[in-house]
Amino acid sequence: MSVFSHSRYSYSKSLFDPNGVAYLGEPEPFRYKAESDNTFHTVSDGDTLWGLAGLYFAGVPRPCGLWWLIGWYQPTPIIDPTIRLKAGETLVIPSMRVVRLYVFNPERRGLS
């Protein structure tokens, strides 16, 4: 699987303005699902979405770049990775099974 296939932009559709100029539309977010293998992470002071992605997705190439998997998966999605996480809050971390089934699935991305 290429690194690009892990980009949230691989879920974007090409759009065209009235002059025929192409641009990427907003990707379809990866939404929260109550799954038995979700992990619940209590935020510590200094935690970031990048750091948590690196921790929980360590077996994937460039895991910190998958911050959006955690941000979008929250019951109330976090779209901006620069927003400071609050110590003590709980984040839901999707399992790699969930990520493979619902995100990296070629059918979802229209590749099959």
Protein backbone atom coordinates (compact mmCIF):
# COMPACT_ATOMS: atom_id res chain seq x y z
CA MET A 1 0.00 0.00 0.00
CA SER A 2 1.49 3.34 -0.98
CA VAL A 3 1.92 6.20 1.46
CA PHE A 4 -0.52 8.24 -0.63
CA SER A 5 -3.20 5.64 -0.02
CA HIS A 6 -3.07 6.66 3.66
CA SER A 7 -3.79 10.30 2.85
CA ARG A 8 -7.16 11.68 3.82
CA TYR A 9 -7.18 13.36 0.41
CA SER A 10 -7.38 9.97 -1.30
CA TYR A 11 -11.07 10.15 -0.30
CA SER A 12 -11.64 13.46 -2.07
CA LYS A 13 -13.47 13.82 -5.33
CA SER A 14 -12.15 16.07 -8.09
CA LEU A 15 -14.40 19.07 -8.56
CA PHE A 16 -14.37 21.63 -11.33
CA ASP A 17 -15.24 25.31 -11.19
CA PRO A 18 -17.21 26.99 -14.02
CA ASN A 19 -13.94 27.67 -15.87
CA GLY A 20 -12.97 24.00 -15.84
CA VAL A 21 -10.26 24.40 -13.19
CA ALA A 22 -9.99 21.24 -11.08
CA TYR A 23 -9.63 21.20 -7.32
CA LEU A 24 -10.09 18.70 -4.54
CA GLY A 25 -13.35 18.66 -2.67
CA GLU A 26 -13.57 17.91 1.02
CA PRO A 27 -12.89 14.25 1.79
CA GLU A 28 -15.67 12.16 3.28
CA PRO A 29 -14.80 11.96 6.99
CA PHE A 30 -14.18 8.67 8.75
CA ARG A 31 -16.99 8.59 11.32
CA TYR A 32 -17.19 7.14 14.82
CA LYS A 33 -18.53 3.60 15.18
CA ALA A 34 -19.09 1.87 18.50
CA GLU A 35 -16.83 -1.15 17.99
CA SER A 36 -15.76 -3.68 20.62
CA ASP A 37 -12.07 -3.25 19.77
CA ASN A 38 -11.94 0.55 20.03
CA THR A 39 -9.38 1.81 22.54
CA PHE A 40 -10.15 4.64 24.93
CA HIS A 41 -7.24 7.00 25.58
CA THR A 42 -7.28 9.48 28.44
CA VAL A 43 -5.43 12.57 27.26
CA SER A 44 -2.36 13.57 29.25
CA ASP A 45 -0.96 17.09 29.27
CA GLY A 46 1.01 17.56 26.04
CA ASP A 47 -0.71 14.82 24.02
CA THR A 48 -1.33 15.70 20.39
CA LEU A 49 -3.22 13.95 17.61
CA TRP A 50 0.11 13.49 15.79
CA GLY A 51 1.73 11.85 18.81
CA LEU A 52 -1.24 9.61 19.49
CA ALA A 53 -1.36 8.50 15.85
CA GLY A 54 2.34 7.66 16.05
CA LEU A 55 1.70 5.62 19.19
CA TYR A 56 -1.41 3.73 18.09
CA PHE A 57 -0.60 3.26 14.39
CA ALA A 58 3.12 2.51 14.77
CA GLY A 59 3.04 -0.39 12.29
CA VAL A 60 1.86 1.79 9.41
CA PRO A 61 4.23 3.89 7.24
CA ARG A 62 4.37 7.51 8.48
CA PRO A 63 1.94 6.87 11.35
CA CYS A 64 1.92 10.46 12.67
CA GLY A 65 0.38 11.55 9.38
CA LEU A 66 -2.70 9.52 10.29
CA TRP A 67 -3.77 12.01 12.98
CA TRP A 68 -6.98 12.51 11.02
CA LEU A 69 -8.05 8.91 11.71
CA ILE A 70 -8.23 9.73 15.40
CA GLY A 71 -9.61 13.24 14.96
CA TRP A 72 -12.40 12.28 12.59
CA TYR A 73 -13.32 9.16 14.60
CA GLN A 74 -14.45 11.07 17.67
CA PRO A 75 -18.19 11.27 18.42
CA THR A 76 -17.63 15.02 17.97
CA PRO A 77 -14.95 15.05 15.22
CA ILE A 78 -11.74 17.03 15.62
CA ILE A 79 -10.94 18.51 12.22
CA ASP A 80 -8.04 20.79 13.18
CA PRO A 81 -4.96 18.95 14.51
CA THR A 82 -3.56 22.15 16.00
CA ILE A 83 -6.34 22.44 18.57
CA ARG A 84 -4.90 21.66 22.00
CA LEU A 85 -6.29 18.47 23.50
CA LYS A 86 -7.58 18.83 27.06
CA ALA A 87 -5.88 16.71 29.71
CA GLY A 88 -8.37 14.27 31.20
CA GLU A 89 -10.66 14.07 28.17
CA THR A 90 -11.17 10.66 26.59
CA LEU A 91 -10.51 10.01 22.91
CA VAL A 92 -11.71 6.96 21.04
CA ILE A 93 -8.94 5.28 19.05
CA PRO A 94 -10.08 3.02 16.21
CA SER A 95 -8.41 -0.39 16.00
CA MET A 96 -6.37 -1.29 12.96
CA ARG A 97 -9.14 -3.77 12.07
CA VAL A 98 -11.63 -0.90 11.95
CA VAL A 99 -9.19 1.29 10.01
CA ARG A 100 -8.57 -1.44 7.43
CA LEU A 101 -12.26 -2.31 7.12
CA TYR A 102 -13.69 1.21 6.96
CA VAL A 103 -10.85 3.45 5.79
CA PHE A 104 -8.14 1.62 3.86
CA ASN A 105 -10.77 -0.52 2.14
CA PRO A 106 -10.29 -0.08 -1.65
CA GLU A 107 -14.07 -0.21 -2.22
CA ARG A 108 -14.62 2.85 -0.02
CA ARG A 109 -12.10 4.76 -2.07
CA GLY A 110 -13.59 3.58 -5.37
CA LEU A 111 -10.46 1.63 -6.32
CA SER A 112 -12.02 -1.77 -6.89
